[in-house]
Amino acid sequence: MEKRSLTIAGHRTSLALEPEFWAALEELANARGLSIAQLIRDIDEARQGPNLSSALRVAALDWAQRR
């Protein structure tokens, strides 16, 4: 697991994901012309469930499957 701290919507938070998911999220952010923090904020705002880490994994998987 790789833990990163970032600011999302004005709040500091820490997220722990596997390096492969971080890499996929960075690629997705680059493809959309966003910073990783902006991408995570967008995913956070759109998620249905309570767990941000799970929402990030699902978004990375969805993007990888559609590539």
N, C-alpha and C. Protein backbone atom coordinates (compact mmCIF):
# COMPACT_ATOMS: atom_id res chain seq x y z
N MET A 1 0.84 -1.18 0.00
CA MET A 1 0.00 0.00 0.00
C MET A 1 0.89 1.24 0.00
N GLU A 2 0.41 2.22 -0.70
CA GLU A 2 1.11 3.50 -0.76
C GLU A 2 0.16 4.57 -0.22
N LYS A 3 0.60 5.27 0.81
CA LYS A 3 -0.24 6.28 1.44
C LYS A 3 0.17 7.66 0.94
N ARG A 4 -0.83 8.46 0.55
CA ARG A 4 -0.58 9.82 0.11
C ARG A 4 -1.52 10.76 0.85
N SER A 5 -1.00 11.95 1.12
CA SER A 5 -1.81 13.00 1.74
C SER A 5 -2.05 14.09 0.70
N LEU A 6 -3.28 14.57 0.65
CA LEU A 6 -3.61 15.62 -0.29
C LEU A 6 -4.79 16.43 0.23
N THR A 7 -5.03 17.55 -0.43
CA THR A 7 -6.14 18.41 -0.06
C THR A 7 -7.24 18.24 -1.09
N ILE A 8 -8.44 17.92 -0.62
CA ILE A 8 -9.60 17.77 -1.48
C ILE A 8 -10.70 18.68 -0.94
N ALA A 9 -11.15 19.59 -1.77
CA ALA A 9 -12.22 20.52 -1.38
C ALA A 9 -11.88 21.24 -0.08
N GLY A 10 -10.62 21.64 0.05
CA GLY A 10 -10.19 22.40 1.21
C GLY A 10 -9.90 21.59 2.46
N HIS A 11 -9.98 20.28 2.38
CA HIS A 11 -9.74 19.42 3.54
C HIS A 11 -8.56 18.50 3.28
N ARG A 12 -7.67 18.39 4.24
CA ARG A 12 -6.54 17.46 4.14
C ARG A 12 -7.05 16.06 4.44
N THR A 13 -6.58 15.11 3.64
CA THR A 13 -6.94 13.72 3.86
C THR A 13 -5.78 12.84 3.44
N SER A 14 -5.77 11.64 3.92
CA SER A 14 -4.78 10.64 3.53
C SER A 14 -5.50 9.45 2.93
N LEU A 15 -4.93 8.93 1.87
CA LEU A 15 -5.50 7.77 1.18
C LEU A 15 -4.42 6.73 1.00
N ALA A 16 -4.77 5.48 1.22
CA ALA A 16 -3.84 4.37 1.01
C ALA A 16 -4.40 3.48 -0.10
N LEU A 17 -3.64 3.37 -1.18
CA LEU A 17 -4.00 2.51 -2.31
C LEU A 17 -2.77 1.75 -2.77
N GLU A 18 -3.00 0.69 -3.48
CA GLU A 18 -1.90 -0.05 -4.09
C GLU A 18 -1.25 0.83 -5.16
N PRO A 19 0.08 0.71 -5.35
CA PRO A 19 0.77 1.54 -6.34
C PRO A 19 0.17 1.46 -7.74
N GLU A 20 -0.35 0.30 -8.10
CA GLU A 20 -0.95 0.14 -9.43
C GLU A 20 -2.19 1.02 -9.60
N PHE A 21 -2.96 1.19 -8.53
CA PHE A 21 -4.13 2.06 -8.60
C PHE A 21 -3.71 3.52 -8.67
N TRP A 22 -2.68 3.90 -7.92
CA TRP A 22 -2.18 5.27 -8.02
C TRP A 22 -1.71 5.56 -9.45
N ALA A 23 -1.01 4.62 -10.05
CA ALA A 23 -0.52 4.81 -11.42
C ALA A 23 -1.68 4.97 -12.39
N ALA A 24 -2.71 4.14 -12.25
CA ALA A 24 -3.88 4.24 -13.13
C ALA A 24 -4.60 5.57 -12.93
N LEU A 25 -4.74 6.00 -11.69
CA LEU A 25 -5.40 7.28 -11.43
C LEU A 25 -4.59 8.45 -11.99
N GLU A 26 -3.27 8.37 -11.92
CA GLU A 26 -2.43 9.43 -12.49
C GLU A 26 -2.59 9.47 -14.01
N GLU A 27 -2.66 8.31 -14.66
CA GLU A 27 -2.88 8.26 -16.10
C GLU A 27 -4.25 8.84 -16.44
N LEU A 28 -5.26 8.48 -15.68
CA LEU A 28 -6.61 8.99 -15.91
C LEU A 28 -6.64 10.51 -15.73
N ALA A 29 -6.01 11.01 -14.69
CA ALA A 29 -5.96 12.46 -14.46
C ALA A 29 -5.27 13.16 -15.64
N ASN A 30 -4.15 12.61 -16.09
CA ASN A 30 -3.44 13.19 -17.23
C ASN A 30 -4.31 13.18 -18.48
N ALA A 31 -5.02 12.10 -18.72
CA ALA A 31 -5.88 11.99 -19.89
C ALA A 31 -7.00 13.02 -19.86
N ARG A 32 -7.44 13.38 -18.68
CA ARG A 32 -8.51 14.37 -18.53
C ARG A 32 -7.98 15.79 -18.34
N GLY A 33 -6.66 15.93 -18.29
CA GLY A 33 -6.06 17.26 -18.10
C GLY A 33 -6.27 17.81 -16.70
N LEU A 34 -6.31 16.91 -15.71
CA LEU A 34 -6.53 17.29 -14.32
C LEU A 34 -5.33 16.92 -13.46
N SER A 35 -5.22 17.57 -12.32
CA SER A 35 -4.27 17.11 -11.32
C SER A 35 -4.89 15.89 -10.63
N ILE A 36 -4.08 15.14 -9.93
CA ILE A 36 -4.59 13.97 -9.21
C ILE A 36 -5.60 14.42 -8.15
N ALA A 37 -5.35 15.56 -7.50
CA ALA A 37 -6.27 16.07 -6.48
C ALA A 37 -7.61 16.46 -7.10
N GLN A 38 -7.58 17.08 -8.28
CA GLN A 38 -8.83 17.44 -8.96
C GLN A 38 -9.61 16.20 -9.36
N LEU A 39 -8.92 15.19 -9.87
CA LEU A 39 -9.59 13.95 -10.25
C LEU A 39 -10.23 13.30 -9.03
N ILE A 40 -9.50 13.22 -7.94
CA ILE A 40 -10.03 12.59 -6.72
C ILE A 40 -11.22 13.39 -6.20
N ARG A 41 -11.15 14.71 -6.27
CA ARG A 41 -12.29 15.54 -5.84
C ARG A 41 -13.52 15.21 -6.68
N ASP A 42 -13.35 15.09 -8.01
CA ASP A 42 -14.47 14.77 -8.90
C ASP A 42 -15.07 13.40 -8.56
N ILE A 43 -14.20 12.42 -8.33
CA ILE A 43 -14.68 11.08 -7.97
C ILE A 43 -15.38 11.12 -6.62
N ASP A 44 -14.82 11.86 -5.68
CA ASP A 44 -15.41 11.99 -4.35
C ASP A 44 -16.81 12.59 -4.43
N GLU A 45 -16.98 13.63 -5.24
CA GLU A 45 -18.28 14.29 -5.35
C GLU A 45 -19.33 13.40 -6.02
N ALA A 46 -18.89 12.49 -6.90
CA ALA A 46 -19.82 11.66 -7.66
C ALA A 46 -20.10 10.30 -7.02
N ARG A 47 -19.32 9.93 -6.03
CA ARG A 47 -19.46 8.57 -5.49
C ARG A 47 -20.77 8.37 -4.76
N GLN A 48 -21.24 7.12 -4.79
CA GLN A 48 -22.48 6.75 -4.14
C GLN A 48 -22.26 6.15 -2.75
N GLY A 49 -21.17 5.43 -2.59
CA GLY A 49 -20.90 4.75 -1.32
C GLY A 49 -20.10 5.60 -0.36
N PRO A 50 -19.89 5.10 0.85
CA PRO A 50 -19.21 5.87 1.88
C PRO A 50 -17.68 5.81 1.81
N ASN A 51 -17.12 4.93 1.00
CA ASN A 51 -15.68 4.70 1.03
C ASN A 51 -14.98 5.29 -0.19
N LEU A 52 -14.19 6.34 0.02
CA LEU A 52 -13.49 7.00 -1.07
C LEU A 52 -12.46 6.09 -1.71
N SER A 53 -11.71 5.34 -0.93
CA SER A 53 -10.69 4.45 -1.50
C SER A 53 -11.32 3.44 -2.46
N SER A 54 -12.45 2.90 -2.09
CA SER A 54 -13.14 1.96 -2.98
C SER A 54 -13.61 2.65 -4.25
N ALA A 55 -14.13 3.86 -4.12
CA ALA A 55 -14.58 4.61 -5.30
C ALA A 55 -13.42 4.89 -6.24
N LEU A 56 -12.24 5.17 -5.69
CA LEU A 56 -11.07 5.41 -6.52
C LEU A 56 -10.64 4.14 -7.25
N ARG A 57 -10.66 3.01 -6.56
CA ARG A 57 -10.32 1.74 -7.21
C ARG A 57 -11.29 1.41 -8.34
N VAL A 58 -12.58 1.62 -8.10
CA VAL A 58 -13.59 1.34 -9.12
C VAL A 58 -13.39 2.27 -10.32
N ALA A 59 -13.13 3.54 -10.09
CA ALA A 59 -12.90 4.48 -11.19
C ALA A 59 -11.67 4.09 -12.00
N ALA A 60 -10.60 3.67 -11.34
CA ALA A 60 -9.39 3.25 -12.04
C ALA A 60 -9.65 1.98 -12.85
N LEU A 61 -10.36 1.04 -12.27
CA LEU A 61 -10.68 -0.19 -12.97
C LEU A 61 -11.57 0.08 -14.18
N ASP A 62 -12.59 0.91 -13.99
CA ASP A 62 -13.50 1.25 -15.08
C ASP A 62 -12.73 1.89 -16.24
N TRP A 63 -11.86 2.82 -15.91
CA TRP A 63 -11.06 3.50 -16.95
C TRP A 63 -10.15 2.51 -17.67
N ALA A 64 -9.50 1.63 -16.92
CA ALA A 64 -8.59 0.63 -17.53
C ALA A 64 -9.35 -0.31 -18.45
N GLN A 65 -10.55 -0.71 -18.06
CA GLN A 65 -11.34 -1.63 -18.88
C GLN A 65 -11.83 -0.98 -20.18
N ARG A 66 -12.06 0.34 -20.14
CA ARG A 66 -12.53 1.03 -21.32
C ARG A 66 -11.42 1.45 -22.27
N ARG A 67 -10.18 1.33 -21.86
CA ARG A 67 -9.04 1.74 -22.71
C ARG A 67 -8.81 0.77 -23.82
